[in-house]
């Protein structure tokens, strides 16, 4: 499974920011698969360019605007084709 598919699997359940994804990744599978902030944000840019995720910009005072990423229909199709083992999705699931 690629980093993109792992991130899409996490976004299937609820929208998340890059920070949220990094934290969820660390807490769920970080013990055996490391992904840095830079990798997560770079991959989010690629997923957005491919039309697999859409960001919602949330203005914040005193901090940069927050982007919450939601998986698109095309992203769900890609996720389903990339996840051959149903147990994989359950292992990556985060409660919203």
PDB file of N, CA and C in Angstrom:
ATOM      1  N   UNK A   1       0.838  -1.167   0.000  1.00  0.00           N
ATOM      2  CA  UNK A   1       0.000   0.000   0.000  1.00  0.00           C
ATOM      3  C   UNK A   1       0.891   1.240   0.000  1.00  0.00           C
ATOM      4  N   UNK A   2       0.492   2.232  -0.772  1.00  0.00           N
ATOM      5  CA  UNK A   2       1.259   3.473  -0.844  1.00  0.00           C
ATOM      6  C   UNK A   2       0.803   4.451   0.239  1.00  0.00           C
ATOM      7  N   UNK A   3       1.597   5.473   0.448  1.00  0.00           N
ATOM      8  CA  UNK A   3       1.233   6.516   1.400  1.00  0.00           C
ATOM      9  C   UNK A   3      -0.080   7.171   0.972  1.00  0.00           C
ATOM     10  N   UNK A   4      -0.249   7.393  -0.319  1.00  0.00           N
ATOM     11  CA  UNK A   4      -1.484   8.004  -0.829  1.00  0.00           C
ATOM     12  C   UNK A   4      -2.702   7.167  -0.455  1.00  0.00           C
ATOM     13  N   UNK A   5      -2.624   5.860  -0.640  1.00  0.00           N
ATOM     14  CA  UNK A   5      -3.758   4.989  -0.312  1.00  0.00           C
ATOM     15  C   UNK A   5      -4.025   4.967   1.196  1.00  0.00           C
ATOM     16  N   UNK A   6      -2.975   4.989   1.988  1.00  0.00           N
ATOM     17  CA  UNK A   6      -3.156   5.022   3.441  1.00  0.00           C
ATOM     18  C   UNK A   6      -3.851   6.314   3.864  1.00  0.00           C
ATOM     19  N   UNK A   7      -3.456   7.434   3.272  1.00  0.00           N
ATOM     20  CA  UNK A   7      -4.069   8.715   3.604  1.00  0.00           C
ATOM     21  C   UNK A   7      -5.525   8.756   3.144  1.00  0.00           C
ATOM     22  N   UNK A   8      -5.810   8.233   1.955  1.00  0.00           N
ATOM     23  CA  UNK A   8      -7.186   8.182   1.477  1.00  0.00           C
ATOM     24  C   UNK A   8      -8.050   7.333   2.404  1.00  0.00           C
ATOM     25  N   UNK A   9      -7.492   6.225   2.886  1.00  0.00           N
ATOM     26  CA  UNK A   9      -8.238   5.361   3.808  1.00  0.00           C
ATOM     27  C   UNK A   9      -8.583   6.107   5.090  1.00  0.00           C
ATOM     28  N   UNK A  10      -7.684   6.961   5.552  1.00  0.00           N
ATOM     29  CA  UNK A  10      -7.964   7.747   6.744  1.00  0.00           C
ATOM     30  C   UNK A  10      -9.028   8.808   6.479  1.00  0.00           C
ATOM     31  N   UNK A  11      -9.032   9.362   5.272  1.00  0.00           N
ATOM     32  CA  UNK A  11      -9.989  10.415   4.935  1.00  0.00           C
ATOM     33  C   UNK A  11     -11.379   9.882   4.601  1.00  0.00           C
ATOM     34  N   UNK A  12     -11.502   8.585   4.371  1.00  0.00           N
ATOM     35  CA  UNK A  12     -12.818   8.000   4.086  1.00  0.00           C
ATOM     36  C   UNK A  12     -13.761   8.250   5.253  1.00  0.00           C
ATOM     37  N   UNK A  13     -13.248   8.253   6.447  1.00  0.00           N
ATOM     38  CA  UNK A  13     -14.082   8.313   7.645  1.00  0.00           C
ATOM     39  C   UNK A  13     -14.441   9.718   8.082  1.00  0.00           C
ATOM     40  N   UNK A  14     -13.566  10.675   7.845  1.00  0.00           N
ATOM     41  CA  UNK A  14     -13.872  12.059   8.198  1.00  0.00           C
ATOM     42  C   UNK A  14     -12.800  12.982   7.617  1.00  0.00           C
ATOM     43  N   UNK A  15     -13.190  14.244   7.351  1.00  0.00           N
ATOM     44  CA  UNK A  15     -12.200  15.218   6.878  1.00  0.00           C
ATOM     45  C   UNK A  15     -11.130  15.448   7.939  1.00  0.00           C
ATOM     46  N   UNK A  16      -9.907  15.688   7.477  1.00  0.00           N
ATOM     47  CA  UNK A  16      -8.796  15.931   8.397  1.00  0.00           C
ATOM     48  C   UNK A  16      -7.839  16.937   7.775  1.00  0.00           C
ATOM     49  N   UNK A  17      -7.145  17.653   8.618  1.00  0.00           N
ATOM     50  CA  UNK A  17      -6.087  18.553   8.166  1.00  0.00           C
ATOM     51  C   UNK A  17      -4.802  17.736   7.995  1.00  0.00           C
ATOM     52  N   UNK A  18      -3.796  18.365   7.412  1.00  0.00           N
ATOM     53  CA  UNK A  18      -2.503  17.697   7.293  1.00  0.00           C
ATOM     54  C   UNK A  18      -1.936  17.339   8.656  1.00  0.00           C
ATOM     55  N   UNK A  19      -2.103  18.252   9.620  1.00  0.00           N
ATOM     56  CA  UNK A  19      -1.646  17.983  10.980  1.00  0.00           C
ATOM     57  C   UNK A  19      -2.385  16.782  11.566  1.00  0.00           C
ATOM     58  N   UNK A  20      -3.722  16.764  11.389  1.00  0.00           N
ATOM     59  CA  UNK A  20      -4.525  15.644  11.899  1.00  0.00           C
ATOM     60  C   UNK A  20      -4.079  14.321  11.266  1.00  0.00           C
ATOM     61  N   UNK A  21      -3.849  14.344   9.969  1.00  0.00           N
ATOM     62  CA  UNK A  21      -3.417  13.128   9.280  1.00  0.00           C
ATOM     63  C   UNK A  21      -2.071  12.634   9.816  1.00  0.00           C
ATOM     64  N   UNK A  22      -1.156  13.569  10.023  1.00  0.00           N
ATOM     65  CA  UNK A  22       0.157  13.194  10.549  1.00  0.00           C
ATOM     66  C   UNK A  22       0.017  12.553  11.918  1.00  0.00           C
ATOM     67  N   UNK A  23      -0.785  13.169  12.777  1.00  0.00           N
ATOM     68  CA  UNK A  23      -0.989  12.643  14.129  1.00  0.00           C
ATOM     69  C   UNK A  23      -1.678  11.277  14.095  1.00  0.00           C
ATOM     70  N   UNK A  24      -2.732  11.160  13.281  1.00  0.00           N
ATOM     71  CA  UNK A  24      -3.453   9.892  13.162  1.00  0.00           C
ATOM     72  C   UNK A  24      -2.534   8.802  12.619  1.00  0.00           C
ATOM     73  N   UNK A  25      -1.735   9.150  11.629  1.00  0.00           N
ATOM     74  CA  UNK A  25      -0.801   8.202  11.039  1.00  0.00           C
ATOM     75  C   UNK A  25       0.156   7.691  12.102  1.00  0.00           C
ATOM     76  N   UNK A  26       0.719   8.615  12.888  1.00  0.00           N
ATOM     77  CA  UNK A  26       1.660   8.235  13.941  1.00  0.00           C
ATOM     78  C   UNK A  26       1.010   7.332  14.984  1.00  0.00           C
ATOM     79  N   UNK A  27      -0.228   7.656  15.361  1.00  0.00           N
ATOM     80  CA  UNK A  27      -0.912   6.908  16.415  1.00  0.00           C
ATOM     81  C   UNK A  27      -1.404   5.541  15.954  1.00  0.00           C
ATOM     82  N   UNK A  28      -1.719   5.413  14.671  1.00  0.00           N
ATOM     83  CA  UNK A  28      -2.315   4.154  14.205  1.00  0.00           C
ATOM     84  C   UNK A  28      -1.274   3.180  13.661  1.00  0.00           C
ATOM     85  N   UNK A  29      -0.433   3.639  12.757  1.00  0.00           N
ATOM     86  CA  UNK A  29       0.525   2.702  12.152  1.00  0.00           C
ATOM     87  C   UNK A  29       1.964   3.198  12.242  1.00  0.00           C
ATOM     88  N   UNK A  30       2.172   4.251  13.010  1.00  0.00           N
ATOM     89  CA  UNK A  30       3.497   4.839  13.133  1.00  0.00           C
ATOM     90  C   UNK A  30       4.551   3.922  13.722  1.00  0.00           C
ATOM     91  N   UNK A  31       4.123   2.881  14.414  1.00  0.00           N
ATOM     92  CA  UNK A  31       5.101   1.968  15.013  1.00  0.00           C
ATOM     93  C   UNK A  31       5.817   1.125  13.943  1.00  0.00           C
ATOM     94  N   UNK A  32       5.211   0.988  12.771  1.00  0.00           N
ATOM     95  CA  UNK A  32       5.882   0.209  11.731  1.00  0.00           C
ATOM     96  C   UNK A  32       5.978   0.931  10.390  1.00  0.00           C
ATOM     97  N   UNK A  33       5.404   2.132  10.267  1.00  0.00           N
ATOM     98  CA  UNK A  33       5.500   2.886   9.023  1.00  0.00           C
ATOM     99  C   UNK A  33       5.592   4.363   9.375  1.00  0.00           C
ATOM    100  N   UNK A  34       6.729   4.964   9.141  1.00  0.00           N
ATOM    101  CA  UNK A  34       6.965   6.365   9.468  1.00  0.00           C
ATOM    102  C   UNK A  34       6.680   7.240   8.252  1.00  0.00           C
ATOM    103  N   UNK A  35       5.986   8.339   8.480  1.00  0.00           N
ATOM    104  CA  UNK A  35       5.750   9.357   7.460  1.00  0.00           C
ATOM    105  C   UNK A  35       5.928  10.717   8.117  1.00  0.00           C
ATOM    106  N   UNK A  36       6.772  11.541   7.539  1.00  0.00           N
ATOM    107  CA  UNK A  36       7.054  12.853   8.108  1.00  0.00           C
ATOM    108  C   UNK A  36       5.965  13.855   7.714  1.00  0.00           C
ATOM    109  N   UNK A  37       5.958  15.000   8.418  1.00  0.00           N
ATOM    110  CA  UNK A  37       5.037  16.081   8.055  1.00  0.00           C
ATOM    111  C   UNK A  37       5.214  16.444   6.586  1.00  0.00           C
ATOM    112  N   UNK A  38       6.475  16.553   6.161  1.00  0.00           N
ATOM    113  CA  UNK A  38       6.764  16.950   4.784  1.00  0.00           C
ATOM    114  C   UNK A  38       6.184  15.948   3.786  1.00  0.00           C
ATOM    115  N   UNK A  39       6.316  14.666   4.074  1.00  0.00           N
ATOM    116  CA  UNK A  39       5.761  13.646   3.182  1.00  0.00           C
ATOM    117  C   UNK A  39       4.244  13.739   3.113  1.00  0.00           C
ATOM    118  N   UNK A  40       3.600  13.921   4.258  1.00  0.00           N
ATOM    119  CA  UNK A  40       2.141  14.014   4.317  1.00  0.00           C
ATOM    120  C   UNK A  40       1.657  15.222   3.508  1.00  0.00           C
ATOM    121  N   UNK A  41       2.250  16.385   3.741  1.00  0.00           N
ATOM    122  CA  UNK A  41       1.809  17.596   3.046  1.00  0.00           C
ATOM    123  C   UNK A  41       2.114  17.531   1.545  1.00  0.00           C
ATOM    124  N   UNK A  42       3.253  16.973   1.187  1.00  0.00           N
ATOM    125  CA  UNK A  42       3.585  16.809  -0.237  1.00  0.00           C
ATOM    126  C   UNK A  42       2.563  15.892  -0.910  1.00  0.00           C
ATOM    127  N   UNK A  43       2.209  14.808  -0.222  1.00  0.00           N
ATOM    128  CA  UNK A  43       1.252  13.854  -0.771  1.00  0.00           C
ATOM    129  C   UNK A  43      -0.147  14.483  -0.866  1.00  0.00           C
ATOM    130  N   UNK A  44      -0.523  15.310   0.116  1.00  0.00           N
ATOM    131  CA  UNK A  44      -1.816  16.003   0.048  1.00  0.00           C
ATOM    132  C   UNK A  44      -1.899  16.883  -1.199  1.00  0.00           C
ATOM    133  N   UNK A  45      -0.809  17.554  -1.522  1.00  0.00           N
ATOM    134  CA  UNK A  45      -0.765  18.375  -2.738  1.00  0.00           C
ATOM    135  C   UNK A  45      -0.986  17.538  -3.986  1.00  0.00           C
ATOM    136  N   UNK A  46      -0.375  16.370  -4.022  1.00  0.00           N
ATOM    137  CA  UNK A  46      -0.555  15.469  -5.165  1.00  0.00           C
ATOM    138  C   UNK A  46      -1.979  14.947  -5.231  1.00  0.00           C
ATOM    139  N   UNK A  47      -2.532  14.566  -4.081  1.00  0.00           N
ATOM    140  CA  UNK A  47      -3.905  14.051  -4.043  1.00  0.00           C
ATOM    141  C   UNK A  47      -4.891  15.124  -4.499  1.00  0.00           C
ATOM    142  N   UNK A  48      -4.646  16.359  -4.094  1.00  0.00           N
ATOM    143  CA  UNK A  48      -5.516  17.460  -4.517  1.00  0.00           C
ATOM    144  C   UNK A  48      -5.388  17.698  -6.022  1.00  0.00           C
ATOM    145  N   UNK A  49      -4.176  17.685  -6.537  1.00  0.00           N
ATOM    146  CA  UNK A  49      -3.953  17.898  -7.969  1.00  0.00           C
ATOM    147  C   UNK A  49      -4.631  16.814  -8.811  1.00  0.00           C
ATOM    148  N   UNK A  50      -4.711  15.603  -8.279  1.00  0.00           N
ATOM    149  CA  UNK A  50      -5.350  14.493  -8.991  1.00  0.00           C
ATOM    150  C   UNK A  50      -6.868  14.488  -8.814  1.00  0.00           C
ATOM    151  N   UNK A  51      -7.381  15.370  -7.971  1.00  0.00           N
ATOM    152  CA  UNK A  51      -8.815  15.436  -7.750  1.00  0.00           C
ATOM    153  C   UNK A  51      -9.329  14.378  -6.798  1.00  0.00           C
ATOM    154  N   UNK A  52      -8.451  13.810  -5.985  1.00  0.00           N
ATOM    155  CA  UNK A  52      -8.847  12.761  -5.052  1.00  0.00           C
ATOM    156  C   UNK A  52      -9.252  13.305  -3.692  1.00  0.00           C
ATOM    157  N   UNK A  53      -8.822  14.528  -3.381  1.00  0.00           N
ATOM    158  CA  UNK A  53      -9.241  15.207  -2.156  1.00  0.00           C
ATOM    159  C   UNK A  53      -9.559  16.657  -2.488  1.00  0.00           C
ATOM    160  N   UNK A  54     -10.410  17.258  -1.653  1.00  0.00           N
ATOM    161  CA  UNK A  54     -10.744  18.676  -1.780  1.00  0.00           C
ATOM    162  C   UNK A  54     -10.530  19.346  -0.433  1.00  0.00           C
ATOM    163  N   UNK A  55      -9.823  20.481  -0.430  1.00  0.00           N
ATOM    164  CA  UNK A  55      -9.620  21.185   0.832  1.00  0.00           C
ATOM    165  C   UNK A  55     -10.729  22.191   1.112  1.00  0.00           C
ATOM    166  N   UNK A  56     -11.049  22.342   2.373  1.00  0.00           N
ATOM    167  CA  UNK A  56     -11.913  23.428   2.834  1.00  0.00           C
ATOM    168  C   UNK A  56     -11.025  24.319   3.681  1.00  0.00           C
ATOM    169  N   UNK A  57     -10.909  25.584   3.286  1.00  0.00           N
ATOM    170  CA  UNK A  57     -10.043  26.513   4.003  1.00  0.00           C
ATOM    171  C   UNK A  57     -10.833  27.118   5.164  1.00  0.00           C
ATOM    172  N   UNK A  58     -10.264  26.997   6.358  1.00  0.00           N
ATOM    173  CA  UNK A  58     -10.887  27.524   7.568  1.00  0.00           C
ATOM    174  C   UNK A  58      -9.984  28.623   8.116  1.00  0.00           C
ATOM    175  N   UNK A  59     -10.460  29.880   8.051  1.00  0.00           N
ATOM    176  CA  UNK A  59      -9.642  30.986   8.565  1.00  0.00           C
ATOM    177  C   UNK A  59      -9.422  30.856  10.076  1.00  0.00           C
ATOM    178  N   UNK A  60      -8.208  31.214  10.504  1.00  0.00           N
ATOM    179  CA  UNK A  60      -7.864  31.200  11.927  1.00  0.00           C
ATOM    180  C   UNK A  60      -7.175  32.514  12.271  1.00  0.00           C
ATOM    181  N   UNK A  61      -7.498  33.055  13.404  1.00  0.00           N
ATOM    182  CA  UNK A  61      -6.852  34.291  13.837  1.00  0.00           C
ATOM    183  C   UNK A  61      -5.516  33.976  14.499  1.00  0.00           C
ATOM    184  N   UNK A  62      -4.496  34.726  14.112  1.00  0.00           N
ATOM    185  CA  UNK A  62      -3.185  34.572  14.721  1.00  0.00           C
ATOM    186  C   UNK A  62      -2.411  33.354  14.243  1.00  0.00           C
ATOM    187  N   UNK A  63      -2.992  32.590  13.331  1.00  0.00           N
ATOM    188  CA  UNK A  63      -2.321  31.401  12.788  1.00  0.00           C
ATOM    189  C   UNK A  63      -2.658  31.308  11.298  1.00  0.00           C
ATOM    190  N   UNK A  64      -1.865  30.539  10.560  1.00  0.00           N
ATOM    191  CA  UNK A  64      -2.226  30.336   9.146  1.00  0.00           C
ATOM    192  C   UNK A  64      -3.582  29.635   9.034  1.00  0.00           C
ATOM    193  N   UNK A  65      -4.263  29.873   7.920  1.00  0.00           N
ATOM    194  CA  UNK A  65      -5.546  29.218   7.692  1.00  0.00           C
ATOM    195  C   UNK A  65      -5.371  27.707   7.720  1.00  0.00           C
ATOM    196  N   UNK A  66      -6.387  27.033   8.200  1.00  0.00           N
ATOM    197  CA  UNK A  66      -6.380  25.563   8.295  1.00  0.00           C
ATOM    198  C   UNK A  66      -7.097  24.997   7.070  1.00  0.00           C
ATOM    199  N   UNK A  67      -6.579  23.907   6.539  1.00  0.00           N
ATOM    200  CA  UNK A  67      -7.239  23.221   5.436  1.00  0.00           C
ATOM    201  C   UNK A  67      -7.710  21.856   5.920  1.00  0.00           C
ATOM    202  N   UNK A  68      -9.013  21.614   5.795  1.00  0.00           N
ATOM    203  CA  UNK A  68      -9.570  20.296   6.090  1.00  0.00           C
ATOM    204  C   UNK A  68      -9.790  19.591   4.760  1.00  0.00           C
ATOM    205  N   UNK A  69      -9.194  18.434   4.611  1.00  0.00           N
ATOM    206  CA  UNK A  69      -9.282  17.694   3.361  1.00  0.00           C
ATOM    207  C   UNK A  69     -10.379  16.642   3.437  1.00  0.00           C
ATOM    208  N   UNK A  70     -11.193  16.599   2.384  1.00  0.00           N
ATOM    209  CA  UNK A  70     -12.268  15.627   2.258  1.00  0.00           C
ATOM    210  C   UNK A  70     -11.995  14.788   1.016  1.00  0.00           C
ATOM    211  N   UNK A  71     -12.215  13.492   1.115  1.00  0.00           N
ATOM    212  CA  UNK A  71     -12.016  12.612  -0.024  1.00  0.00           C
ATOM    213  C   UNK A  71     -13.157  12.815  -1.028  1.00  0.00           C
ATOM    214  N   UNK A  72     -12.841  12.801  -2.310  1.00  0.00           N
ATOM    215  CA  UNK A  72     -13.843  12.945  -3.366  1.00  0.00           C
ATOM    216  C   UNK A  72     -14.308  11.563  -3.827  1.00  0.00           C
ATOM    217  N   UNK A  73     -15.303  11.538  -4.704  1.00  0.00           N
ATOM    218  CA  UNK A  73     -15.757  10.265  -5.274  1.00  0.00           C
ATOM    219  C   UNK A  73     -14.634   9.550  -6.000  1.00  0.00           C
ATOM    220  N   UNK A  74     -13.841  10.311  -6.748  1.00  0.00           N
ATOM    221  CA  UNK A  74     -12.696   9.709  -7.454  1.00  0.00           C
ATOM    222  C   UNK A  74     -11.676   9.163  -6.465  1.00  0.00           C
ATOM    223  N   UNK A  75     -11.504   9.871  -5.351  1.00  0.00           N
ATOM    224  CA  UNK A  75     -10.580   9.402  -4.322  1.00  0.00           C
ATOM    225  C   UNK A  75     -11.061   8.116  -3.675  1.00  0.00           C
ATOM    226  N   UNK A  76     -12.380   8.019  -3.451  1.00  0.00           N
ATOM    227  CA  UNK A  76     -12.940   6.791  -2.877  1.00  0.00           C
ATOM    228  C   UNK A  76     -12.743   5.613  -3.812  1.00  0.00           C
ATOM    229  N   UNK A  77     -12.918   5.829  -5.108  1.00  0.00           N
ATOM    230  CA  UNK A  77     -12.696   4.756  -6.087  1.00  0.00           C
ATOM    231  C   UNK A  77     -11.239   4.313  -6.077  1.00  0.00           C
ATOM    232  N   UNK A  78     -10.336   5.277  -6.018  1.00  0.00           N
ATOM    233  CA  UNK A  78      -8.909   4.962  -5.966  1.00  0.00           C
ATOM    234  C   UNK A  78      -8.574   4.207  -4.687  1.00  0.00           C
ATOM    235  N   UNK A  79      -9.152   4.641  -3.592  1.00  0.00           N
ATOM    236  CA  UNK A  79      -8.922   3.994  -2.302  1.00  0.00           C
ATOM    237  C   UNK A  79      -9.393   2.547  -2.335  1.00  0.00           C
ATOM    238  N   UNK A  80     -10.585   2.331  -2.855  1.00  0.00           N
ATOM    239  CA  UNK A  80     -11.135   0.973  -2.913  1.00  0.00           C
ATOM    240  C   UNK A  80     -10.287   0.067  -3.789  1.00  0.00           C
ATOM    241  N   UNK A  81      -9.789   0.594  -4.896  1.00  0.00           N
ATOM    242  CA  UNK A  81      -8.967  -0.246  -5.770  1.00  0.00           C
ATOM    243  C   UNK A  81      -7.583  -0.504  -5.161  1.00  0.00           C
ATOM    244  N   UNK A  82      -7.115   0.422  -4.304  1.00  0.00           N
ATOM    245  CA  UNK A  82      -5.801   0.264  -3.690  1.00  0.00           C
ATOM    246  C   UNK A  82      -5.799  -0.593  -2.438  1.00  0.00           C
ATOM    247  N   UNK A  83      -6.957  -0.756  -1.848  1.00  0.00           N
ATOM    248  CA  UNK A  83      -7.048  -1.545  -0.621  1.00  0.00           C
ATOM    249  C   UNK A  83      -7.688  -2.890  -0.934  1.00  0.00           C
ATOM    250  N   UNK A  84      -6.884  -3.860  -1.138  1.00  0.00           N
ATOM    251  CA  UNK A  84      -7.383  -5.185  -1.492  1.00  0.00           C
ATOM    252  C   UNK A  84      -7.852  -5.971  -0.277  1.00  0.00           C
ATOM    253  N   UNK A  85      -7.290  -5.674   0.888  1.00  0.00           N
ATOM    254  CA  UNK A  85      -7.601  -6.397   2.111  1.00  0.00           C
ATOM    255  C   UNK A  85      -8.529  -5.557   2.977  1.00  0.00           C
ATOM    256  N   UNK A  86      -9.782  -5.964   3.193  1.00  0.00           N
ATOM    257  CA  UNK A  86     -10.714  -5.165   3.996  1.00  0.00           C
ATOM    258  C   UNK A  86     -10.209  -4.886   5.409  1.00  0.00           C
ATOM    259  N   UNK A  87      -9.406  -5.755   5.972  1.00  0.00           N
ATOM    260  CA  UNK A  87      -8.892  -5.544   7.329  1.00  0.00           C
ATOM    261  C   UNK A  87      -7.967  -4.334   7.381  1.00  0.00           C
ATOM    262  N   UNK A  88      -7.297  -4.027   6.276  1.00  0.00           N
ATOM    263  CA  UNK A  88      -6.381  -2.884   6.239  1.00  0.00           C
ATOM    264  C   UNK A  88      -7.122  -1.595   6.561  1.00  0.00           C
ATOM    265  N   UNK A  89      -8.287  -1.404   5.956  1.00  0.00           N
ATOM    266  CA  UNK A  89      -9.046  -0.188   6.199  1.00  0.00           C
ATOM    267  C   UNK A  89      -9.452  -0.086   7.660  1.00  0.00           C
ATOM    268  N   UNK A  90      -9.848  -1.169   8.258  1.00  0.00           N
ATOM    269  CA  UNK A  90     -10.253  -1.164   9.665  1.00  0.00           C
ATOM    270  C   UNK A  90      -9.077  -0.793  10.563  1.00  0.00           C
ATOM    271  N   UNK A  91      -7.900  -1.272  10.239  1.00  0.00           N
ATOM    272  CA  UNK A  91      -6.732  -0.984  11.052  1.00  0.00           C
ATOM    273  C   UNK A  91      -6.356   0.482  10.978  1.00  0.00           C
ATOM    274  N   UNK A  92      -6.666   1.152   9.865  1.00  0.00           N
ATOM    275  CA  UNK A  92      -6.300   2.549   9.699  1.00  0.00           C
ATOM    276  C   UNK A  92      -7.379   3.507  10.181  1.00  0.00           C
ATOM    277  N   UNK A  93      -8.529   2.996  10.557  1.00  0.00           N
ATOM    278  CA  UNK A  93      -9.685   3.825  10.859  1.00  0.00           C
ATOM    279  C   UNK A  93      -9.480   4.687  12.098  1.00  0.00           C
ATOM    280  N   UNK A  94      -9.948   5.914  11.999  1.00  0.00           N
ATOM    281  CA  UNK A  94      -9.919   6.847  13.117  1.00  0.00           C
ATOM    282  C   UNK A  94     -11.346   7.232  13.428  1.00  0.00           C
ATOM    283  N   UNK A  95     -11.684   7.316  14.671  1.00  0.00           N
ATOM    284  CA  UNK A  95     -13.030   7.744  15.049  1.00  0.00           C
ATOM    285  C   UNK A  95     -13.104   9.262  14.995  1.00  0.00           C
ATOM    286  N   UNK A  96     -14.191   9.771  14.427  1.00  0.00           N
ATOM    287  CA  UNK A  96     -14.397  11.217  14.323  1.00  0.00           C
ATOM    288  C   UNK A  96     -15.266  11.697  15.465  1.00  0.00           C
TER     289      UNK A  96
END
